[in-house]
Amino acid sequence: MRTAVALILLGGALLAAPEPRSSVVDDWEIHGDTLVLGCIGWPIRIAEVARRLEMREDAAHACLNSLDPKMPLLVEQDAKGSVVGIWQLTEERLRKDLRVELKKAGELLEVKLVNAGKAVHRVVKPNDGSESGWREPEIYFEREVDGKWVRGGKPGRCGMFAQDWQKDITDLKPGEALPLEGYLPPDMAFGLARPFKVKVRAVYVYRGGFMARAADEKPDPGPMGKTPPFTLVSEPVEVEIK
């Protein structure tokens, strides 16, 4: 079993239960033979985990003890509230569930953040300052140059921006798409004059509460809790402007 994602299924029959729910659990710990999930107060006996998985109890203990207690858990429950799955919420898991979609709309580019997974994820909507990297999240385009991806420039601007990025935290449910606005257009980002043809991709970066304009302060994730920093990159799109 790969402990990086450490999936624990508590009974195959429960996986088909209707209307499953999921929670990000920042605080959890193992007390003796029990796993305690802080936010929902749900104790799970490790012996029961081992029985359901048809594995030895010491192997179940080893699997759970391999999880990083500093990282949150993603807990899935069925409609009755029974826990049916537990994952370590890593950047790898977030990149698996979330994706940035980039598509052309005439001469414009539309960017969306899509939850392609089965769990609710906390994300941050871009706002004024995201395109400059001054607040969460940071957003920008990259262009392909000689087989390498080069980041676009940051705009010249005044010092006013939407500093309180925590107001833009939202829950993105499975199947939902969040429009991402504020990307600097490719002609401005890369100093291109018409006509031009360029291959670009969109990047979305959450840095764990980082504020570039307050570098002397410690990151404050606020309601994002222990969600780890992560970077999402779209598939490339070729843009031609005449």
C-alpha atoms as a PDB file:
ATOM      1  CA  MET A   1       0.000   0.000   0.000  1.00  0.00           C
ATOM      2  CA  ARG A   2       1.364   3.426  -0.932  1.00  0.00           C
ATOM      3  CA  THR A   3       1.507   5.424   2.286  1.00  0.00           C
ATOM      4  CA  ALA A   4       1.839   8.722   0.365  1.00  0.00           C
ATOM      5  CA  VAL A   5      -1.890   8.677  -0.222  1.00  0.00           C
ATOM      6  CA  ALA A   6      -2.756   5.968   2.323  1.00  0.00           C
ATOM      7  CA  LEU A   7      -6.318   5.069   1.424  1.00  0.00           C
ATOM      8  CA  ILE A   8      -8.253   3.171   4.039  1.00  0.00           C
ATOM      9  CA  LEU A   9     -11.550   1.678   2.932  1.00  0.00           C
ATOM     10  CA  LEU A  10     -13.898   0.657   5.702  1.00  0.00           C
ATOM     11  CA  GLY A  11     -16.016  -1.939   3.978  1.00  0.00           C
ATOM     12  CA  GLY A  12     -16.576  -2.220   0.233  1.00  0.00           C
ATOM     13  CA  ALA A  13     -20.371  -2.176   0.573  1.00  0.00           C
ATOM     14  CA  LEU A  14     -20.269   1.325   2.049  1.00  0.00           C
ATOM     15  CA  LEU A  15     -18.624   2.744  -1.063  1.00  0.00           C
ATOM     16  CA  ALA A  16     -21.933   2.613  -2.943  1.00  0.00           C
ATOM     17  CA  ALA A  17     -23.828   4.617  -0.308  1.00  0.00           C
ATOM     18  CA  PRO A  18     -25.737   7.613  -1.710  1.00  0.00           C
ATOM     19  CA  GLU A  19     -24.837  11.258  -1.134  1.00  0.00           C
ATOM     20  CA  PRO A  20     -21.345  10.830   0.352  1.00  0.00           C
ATOM     21  CA  ARG A  21     -19.784  13.747   2.166  1.00  0.00           C
ATOM     22  CA  SER A  22     -16.189  14.688   2.710  1.00  0.00           C
ATOM     23  CA  SER A  23     -14.289  16.804   5.223  1.00  0.00           C
ATOM     24  CA  VAL A  24     -10.779  18.138   5.495  1.00  0.00           C
ATOM     25  CA  VAL A  25      -9.546  17.288   8.995  1.00  0.00           C
ATOM     26  CA  ASP A  26      -6.653  19.479  10.114  1.00  0.00           C
ATOM     27  CA  ASP A  27      -6.311  17.992  13.603  1.00  0.00           C
ATOM     28  CA  TRP A  28      -6.145  14.259  14.103  1.00  0.00           C
ATOM     29  CA  GLU A  29      -4.165  11.849  16.212  1.00  0.00           C
ATOM     30  CA  ILE A  30      -3.769   8.233  17.172  1.00  0.00           C
ATOM     31  CA  HIS A  31      -4.654   7.327  20.766  1.00  0.00           C
ATOM     32  CA  GLY A  32      -3.469   3.819  21.446  1.00  0.00           C
ATOM     33  CA  ASP A  33      -5.648   1.604  19.287  1.00  0.00           C
ATOM     34  CA  THR A  34      -7.929   4.400  18.052  1.00  0.00           C
ATOM     35  CA  LEU A  35      -7.713   7.053  15.318  1.00  0.00           C
ATOM     36  CA  VAL A  36      -9.463  10.260  16.446  1.00  0.00           C
ATOM     37  CA  LEU A  37     -10.592  12.787  13.822  1.00  0.00           C
ATOM     38  CA  GLY A  38     -10.783  16.190  15.498  1.00  0.00           C
ATOM     39  CA  CYS A  39     -13.389  18.165  13.564  1.00  0.00           C
ATOM     40  CA  ILE A  40     -16.016  15.413  13.501  1.00  0.00           C
ATOM     41  CA  GLY A  41     -15.024  13.682  16.722  1.00  0.00           C
ATOM     42  CA  TRP A  42     -15.127  10.311  15.028  1.00  0.00           C
ATOM     43  CA  PRO A  43     -13.102   7.545  16.711  1.00  0.00           C
ATOM     44  CA  ILE A  44     -12.096   4.623  14.490  1.00  0.00           C
ATOM     45  CA  ARG A  45     -10.723   1.499  16.111  1.00  0.00           C
ATOM     46  CA  ILE A  46      -7.620   0.347  14.265  1.00  0.00           C
ATOM     47  CA  ALA A  47      -8.609  -3.270  14.838  1.00  0.00           C
ATOM     48  CA  GLU A  48     -11.783  -2.626  12.850  1.00  0.00           C
ATOM     49  CA  VAL A  49      -9.741  -1.078  10.041  1.00  0.00           C
ATOM     50  CA  ALA A  50      -7.560  -4.181   9.935  1.00  0.00           C
ATOM     51  CA  ARG A  51     -10.574  -6.503   9.974  1.00  0.00           C
ATOM     52  CA  ARG A  52     -12.289  -4.706   7.096  1.00  0.00           C
ATOM     53  CA  LEU A  53      -9.126  -4.720   5.014  1.00  0.00           C
ATOM     54  CA  GLU A  54      -8.338  -8.332   5.876  1.00  0.00           C
ATOM     55  CA  MET A  55      -4.899  -7.358   7.109  1.00  0.00           C
ATOM     56  CA  ARG A  56      -3.023  -7.852  10.338  1.00  0.00           C
ATOM     57  CA  GLU A  57      -3.626  -5.265  13.031  1.00  0.00           C
ATOM     58  CA  ASP A  58       0.081  -4.462  13.341  1.00  0.00           C
ATOM     59  CA  ALA A  59       0.174  -3.739   9.581  1.00  0.00           C
ATOM     60  CA  ALA A  60      -2.794  -1.350   9.954  1.00  0.00           C
ATOM     61  CA  HIS A  61      -0.988   0.393  12.824  1.00  0.00           C
ATOM     62  CA  ALA A  62       2.140   0.716  10.681  1.00  0.00           C
ATOM     63  CA  CYS A  63       0.138   2.213   7.797  1.00  0.00           C
ATOM     64  CA  LEU A  64      -1.566   4.803  10.008  1.00  0.00           C
ATOM     65  CA  ASN A  65       1.653   5.657  11.836  1.00  0.00           C
ATOM     66  CA  SER A  66       3.330   6.310   8.474  1.00  0.00           C
ATOM     67  CA  LEU A  67       0.993   9.264   7.868  1.00  0.00           C
ATOM     68  CA  ASP A  68       2.388  12.736   8.568  1.00  0.00           C
ATOM     69  CA  PRO A  69       0.534  14.187  11.604  1.00  0.00           C
ATOM     70  CA  LYS A  70       1.370  17.694  10.390  1.00  0.00           C
ATOM     71  CA  MET A  71      -0.636  17.124   7.208  1.00  0.00           C
ATOM     72  CA  PRO A  72      -4.445  17.143   7.124  1.00  0.00           C
ATOM     73  CA  LEU A  73      -6.607  14.179   6.272  1.00  0.00           C
ATOM     74  CA  LEU A  74      -9.351  14.008   3.679  1.00  0.00           C
ATOM     75  CA  VAL A  75     -12.190  12.022   5.230  1.00  0.00           C
ATOM     76  CA  GLU A  76     -15.060  10.629   3.165  1.00  0.00           C
ATOM     77  CA  GLN A  77     -18.364   9.659   4.800  1.00  0.00           C
ATOM     78  CA  ASP A  78     -21.523   8.048   3.478  1.00  0.00           C
ATOM     79  CA  ALA A  79     -25.031   9.492   3.929  1.00  0.00           C
ATOM     80  CA  LYS A  80     -25.287   7.898   7.384  1.00  0.00           C
ATOM     81  CA  GLY A  81     -22.067   9.515   8.551  1.00  0.00           C
ATOM     82  CA  SER A  82     -19.990   6.346   8.448  1.00  0.00           C
ATOM     83  CA  VAL A  83     -16.366   6.909   7.448  1.00  0.00           C
ATOM     84  CA  VAL A  84     -15.677   5.087   4.179  1.00  0.00           C
ATOM     85  CA  GLY A  85     -12.295   6.474   3.198  1.00  0.00           C
ATOM     86  CA  ILE A  86      -9.304   8.374   4.546  1.00  0.00           C
ATOM     87  CA  TRP A  87      -6.541   9.995   2.508  1.00  0.00           C
ATOM     88  CA  GLN A  88      -3.571  12.151   3.461  1.00  0.00           C
ATOM     89  CA  LEU A  89      -4.238  15.565   1.902  1.00  0.00           C
ATOM     90  CA  THR A  90      -0.965  16.061   0.040  1.00  0.00           C
ATOM     91  CA  GLU A  91      -0.073  18.248  -2.926  1.00  0.00           C
ATOM     92  CA  GLU A  92      -0.150  15.073  -5.005  1.00  0.00           C
ATOM     93  CA  ARG A  93      -3.744  14.445  -3.941  1.00  0.00           C
ATOM     94  CA  LEU A  94      -4.772  18.038  -4.689  1.00  0.00           C
ATOM     95  CA  ARG A  95      -3.218  17.880  -8.164  1.00  0.00           C
ATOM     96  CA  LYS A  96      -5.164  14.687  -8.774  1.00  0.00           C
ATOM     97  CA  ASP A  97      -8.524  16.182  -7.749  1.00  0.00           C
ATOM     98  CA  LEU A  98      -8.158  19.780  -8.976  1.00  0.00           C
ATOM     99  CA  ARG A  99      -7.283  20.982 -12.450  1.00  0.00           C
ATOM    100  CA  VAL A 100      -6.972  24.275 -14.299  1.00  0.00           C
ATOM    101  CA  GLU A 101      -8.797  24.350 -17.629  1.00  0.00           C
ATOM    102  CA  LEU A 102      -7.772  26.857 -20.291  1.00  0.00           C
ATOM    103  CA  LYS A 103      -9.691  27.444 -23.511  1.00  0.00           C
ATOM    104  CA  LYS A 104     -10.000  30.082 -26.232  1.00  0.00           C
ATOM    105  CA  ALA A 105     -13.067  32.291 -26.478  1.00  0.00           C
ATOM    106  CA  GLY A 106     -12.469  34.358 -29.617  1.00  0.00           C
ATOM    107  CA  GLU A 107      -9.413  36.486 -28.887  1.00  0.00           C
ATOM    108  CA  LEU A 108      -9.873  35.972 -25.170  1.00  0.00           C
ATOM    109  CA  LEU A 109      -8.743  33.141 -22.912  1.00  0.00           C
ATOM    110  CA  GLU A 110     -11.050  31.617 -20.329  1.00  0.00           C
ATOM    111  CA  VAL A 111      -9.568  29.931 -17.274  1.00  0.00           C
ATOM    112  CA  LYS A 112     -11.442  27.746 -14.774  1.00  0.00           C
ATOM    113  CA  LEU A 113     -10.508  25.805 -11.667  1.00  0.00           C
ATOM    114  CA  VAL A 114     -12.376  22.491 -11.779  1.00  0.00           C
ATOM    115  CA  ASN A 115     -12.898  19.960  -9.009  1.00  0.00           C
ATOM    116  CA  ALA A 116     -12.647  16.639 -10.833  1.00  0.00           C
ATOM    117  CA  GLY A 117     -12.492  14.613  -7.626  1.00  0.00           C
ATOM    118  CA  LYS A 118     -15.095  13.279  -5.198  1.00  0.00           C
ATOM    119  CA  ALA A 119     -14.294  15.501  -2.239  1.00  0.00           C
ATOM    120  CA  VAL A 120     -14.948  19.133  -1.334  1.00  0.00           C
ATOM    121  CA  HIS A 121     -11.750  21.206  -1.421  1.00  0.00           C
ATOM    122  CA  ARG A 122     -11.010  24.625   0.043  1.00  0.00           C
ATOM    123  CA  VAL A 123      -9.573  26.957  -2.596  1.00  0.00           C
ATOM    124  CA  VAL A 124      -8.933  30.693  -2.984  1.00  0.00           C
ATOM    125  CA  LYS A 125     -10.482  32.851  -5.697  1.00  0.00           C
ATOM    126  CA  PRO A 126      -8.019  35.229  -7.399  1.00  0.00           C
ATOM    127  CA  ASN A 127      -8.463  38.939  -6.800  1.00  0.00           C
ATOM    128  CA  ASP A 128      -6.602  42.191  -7.394  1.00  0.00           C
ATOM    129  CA  GLY A 129      -2.930  41.465  -6.681  1.00  0.00           C
ATOM    130  CA  SER A 130      -2.987  37.770  -7.614  1.00  0.00           C
ATOM    131  CA  GLU A 131      -1.540  38.546 -11.045  1.00  0.00           C
ATOM    132  CA  SER A 132       1.411  40.288  -9.343  1.00  0.00           C
ATOM    133  CA  GLY A 133       1.996  37.534  -6.779  1.00  0.00           C
ATOM    134  CA  TRP A 134       1.185  39.894  -3.912  1.00  0.00           C
ATOM    135  CA  ARG A 135      -1.520  37.705  -2.393  1.00  0.00           C
ATOM    136  CA  GLU A 136      -3.051  34.245  -2.560  1.00  0.00           C
ATOM    137  CA  PRO A 137      -3.414  32.704  -5.016  1.00  0.00           C
ATOM    138  CA  GLU A 138      -0.754  33.690  -7.511  1.00  0.00           C
ATOM    139  CA  ILE A 139      -1.862  33.377 -11.146  1.00  0.00           C
ATOM    140  CA  TYR A 140       0.045  33.812 -14.396  1.00  0.00           C
ATOM    141  CA  PHE A 141       0.519  32.548 -17.944  1.00  0.00           C
ATOM    142  CA  GLU A 142       3.573  30.774 -19.270  1.00  0.00           C
ATOM    143  CA  ARG A 143       4.593  30.637 -22.944  1.00  0.00           C
ATOM    144  CA  GLU A 144       6.624  28.031 -24.751  1.00  0.00           C
ATOM    145  CA  VAL A 145       9.971  29.281 -26.056  1.00  0.00           C
ATOM    146  CA  ASP A 146      12.375  26.818 -27.712  1.00  0.00           C
ATOM    147  CA  GLY A 147      10.747  23.892 -25.916  1.00  0.00           C
ATOM    148  CA  LYS A 148      10.857  25.559 -22.491  1.00  0.00           C
ATOM    149  CA  TRP A 149       8.113  27.278 -20.503  1.00  0.00           C
ATOM    150  CA  VAL A 150       8.778  30.923 -19.652  1.00  0.00           C
ATOM    151  CA  ARG A 151       6.744  32.901 -17.172  1.00  0.00           C
ATOM    152  CA  GLY A 152       5.065  36.106 -18.282  1.00  0.00           C
ATOM    153  CA  GLY A 153       6.028  39.441 -16.783  1.00  0.00           C
ATOM    154  CA  LYS A 154       4.257  41.130 -13.899  1.00  0.00           C
ATOM    155  CA  PRO A 155       2.302  44.313 -14.610  1.00  0.00           C
ATOM    156  CA  GLY A 156       3.397  47.744 -13.506  1.00  0.00           C
ATOM    157  CA  ARG A 157       0.780  48.942 -11.046  1.00  0.00           C
ATOM    158  CA  CYS A 158       0.004  50.981  -7.946  1.00  0.00           C
ATOM    159  CA  GLY A 159       0.487  49.592  -4.473  1.00  0.00           C
ATOM    160  CA  MET A 160      -3.204  49.147  -3.694  1.00  0.00           C
ATOM    161  CA  PHE A 161      -4.519  45.579  -3.880  1.00  0.00           C
ATOM    162  CA  ALA A 162      -7.008  43.197  -2.222  1.00  0.00           C
ATOM    163  CA  GLN A 163      -4.882  42.278   0.783  1.00  0.00           C
ATOM    164  CA  ASP A 164      -7.501  40.260   2.675  1.00  0.00           C
ATOM    165  CA  TRP A 165      -7.281  37.177   0.491  1.00  0.00           C
ATOM    166  CA  GLN A 166      -8.911  35.026   3.189  1.00  0.00           C
ATOM    167  CA  LYS A 167     -12.266  36.600   2.269  1.00  0.00           C
ATOM    168  CA  ASP A 168     -11.922  34.827  -1.082  1.00  0.00           C
ATOM    169  CA  ILE A 169     -11.661  31.305   0.354  1.00  0.00           C
ATOM    170  CA  THR A 170     -14.464  29.078  -0.891  1.00  0.00           C
ATOM    171  CA  ASP A 171     -15.468  25.428  -0.918  1.00  0.00           C
ATOM    172  CA  LEU A 172     -15.283  23.858  -4.368  1.00  0.00           C
ATOM    173  CA  LYS A 173     -17.622  20.881  -4.528  1.00  0.00           C
ATOM    174  CA  PRO A 174     -17.124  17.834  -6.775  1.00  0.00           C
ATOM    175  CA  GLY A 175     -17.976  18.711 -10.375  1.00  0.00           C
ATOM    176  CA  GLU A 176     -18.004  22.465  -9.740  1.00  0.00           C
ATOM    177  CA  ALA A 177     -15.954  24.944 -11.778  1.00  0.00           C
ATOM    178  CA  LEU A 178     -14.674  28.288 -10.492  1.00  0.00           C
ATOM    179  CA  PRO A 179     -13.944  30.967 -13.138  1.00  0.00           C
ATOM    180  CA  LEU A 180     -10.451  32.379 -12.600  1.00  0.00           C
ATOM    181  CA  GLU A 181     -10.286  36.048 -13.524  1.00  0.00           C
ATOM    182  CA  GLY A 182      -7.392  38.492 -13.480  1.00  0.00           C
ATOM    183  CA  TYR A 183      -4.794  36.766 -15.656  1.00  0.00           C
ATOM    184  CA  LEU A 184      -2.673  39.293 -17.533  1.00  0.00           C
ATOM    185  CA  PRO A 185      -3.455  38.873 -21.295  1.00  0.00           C
ATOM    186  CA  PRO A 186      -0.665  37.161 -23.278  1.00  0.00           C
ATOM    187  CA  ASP A 187       0.162  40.269 -25.348  1.00  0.00           C
ATOM    188  CA  MET A 188       0.763  42.266 -22.143  1.00  0.00           C
ATOM    189  CA  ALA A 189       2.363  39.405 -20.214  1.00  0.00           C
ATOM    190  CA  PHE A 190       4.885  38.646 -22.954  1.00  0.00           C
ATOM    191  CA  GLY A 191       5.192  42.022 -24.707  1.00  0.00           C
ATOM    192  CA  LEU A 192       3.798  40.693 -27.983  1.00  0.00           C
ATOM    193  CA  ALA A 193       2.739  42.910 -30.882  1.00  0.00           C
ATOM    194  CA  ARG A 194       0.025  41.873 -33.334  1.00  0.00           C
ATOM    195  CA  PRO A 195      -0.041  39.642 -35.223  1.00  0.00           C
ATOM    196  CA  PHE A 196       1.353  36.805 -33.116  1.00  0.00           C
ATOM    197  CA  LYS A 197       0.993  33.109 -32.478  1.00  0.00           C
ATOM    198  CA  VAL A 198       1.958  31.685 -29.130  1.00  0.00           C
ATOM    199  CA  LYS A 199       1.424  28.530 -27.101  1.00  0.00           C
ATOM    200  CA  VAL A 200       0.456  29.316 -23.498  1.00  0.00           C
ATOM    201  CA  ARG A 201      -0.649  27.572 -20.358  1.00  0.00           C
ATOM    202  CA  ALA A 202      -2.276  28.912 -17.182  1.00  0.00           C
ATOM    203  CA  VAL A 203      -0.735  28.477 -13.725  1.00  0.00           C
ATOM    204  CA  TYR A 204      -2.492  28.666 -10.340  1.00  0.00           C
ATOM    205  CA  VAL A 205      -0.349  28.663  -7.172  1.00  0.00           C
ATOM    206  CA  TYR A 206      -1.417  28.479  -3.514  1.00  0.00           C
ATOM    207  CA  ARG A 207       1.594  29.185  -1.280  1.00  0.00           C
ATOM    208  CA  GLY A 208       0.226  28.399   2.165  1.00  0.00           C
ATOM    209  CA  GLY A 209      -0.805  31.923   3.144  1.00  0.00           C
ATOM    210  CA  PHE A 210       2.221  33.707   1.702  1.00  0.00           C
ATOM    211  CA  MET A 211       2.064  37.490   1.205  1.00  0.00           C
ATOM    212  CA  ALA A 212       4.925  38.786  -0.944  1.00  0.00           C
ATOM    213  CA  ARG A 213       4.355  42.370   0.212  1.00  0.00           C
ATOM    214  CA  ALA A 214       4.694  41.324   3.828  1.00  0.00           C
ATOM    215  CA  ALA A 215       7.766  39.113   3.530  1.00  0.00           C
ATOM    216  CA  ASP A 216       8.728  39.771   7.148  1.00  0.00           C
ATOM    217  CA  GLU A 217       5.510  38.179   8.388  1.00  0.00           C
ATOM    218  CA  LYS A 218       4.852  34.486   8.809  1.00  0.00           C
ATOM    219  CA  PRO A 219       2.332  32.902   6.420  1.00  0.00           C
ATOM    220  CA  ASP A 220      -1.194  32.941   7.837  1.00  0.00           C
ATOM    221  CA  PRO A 221      -3.385  30.326   6.138  1.00  0.00           C
ATOM    222  CA  GLY A 222      -6.502  31.277   8.097  1.00  0.00           C
ATOM    223  CA  PRO A 223      -9.489  29.075   7.132  1.00  0.00           C
ATOM    224  CA  MET A 224      -7.297  27.212   4.629  1.00  0.00           C
ATOM    225  CA  GLY A 225      -5.894  25.481   7.705  1.00  0.00           C
ATOM    226  CA  LYS A 226      -3.181  22.946   6.988  1.00  0.00           C
ATOM    227  CA  THR A 227      -3.972  22.650   3.286  1.00  0.00           C
ATOM    228  CA  PRO A 228      -0.493  22.250   1.789  1.00  0.00           C
ATOM    229  CA  PRO A 229       0.903  24.628  -0.846  1.00  0.00           C
ATOM    230  CA  PHE A 230       0.167  23.395  -4.355  1.00  0.00           C
ATOM    231  CA  THR A 231       0.659  24.371  -7.978  1.00  0.00           C
ATOM    232  CA  LEU A 232      -1.749  23.565 -10.821  1.00  0.00           C
ATOM    233  CA  VAL A 233      -0.851  23.935 -14.506  1.00  0.00           C
ATOM    234  CA  SER A 234      -3.302  23.733 -17.416  1.00  0.00           C
ATOM    235  CA  GLU A 235      -2.829  21.921 -20.691  1.00  0.00           C
ATOM    236  CA  PRO A 236      -1.278  24.274 -23.283  1.00  0.00           C
ATOM    237  CA  VAL A 237      -3.386  26.178 -25.811  1.00  0.00           C
ATOM    238  CA  GLU A 238      -2.135  27.780 -29.026  1.00  0.00           C
ATOM    239  CA  VAL A 239      -3.300  31.360 -29.426  1.00  0.00           C
ATOM    240  CA  GLU A 240      -3.162  33.272 -32.705  1.00  0.00           C
ATOM    241  CA  ILE A 241      -4.021  36.955 -32.796  1.00  0.00           C
ATOM    242  CA  LYS A 242      -4.079  38.726 -36.160  1.00  0.00           C
END
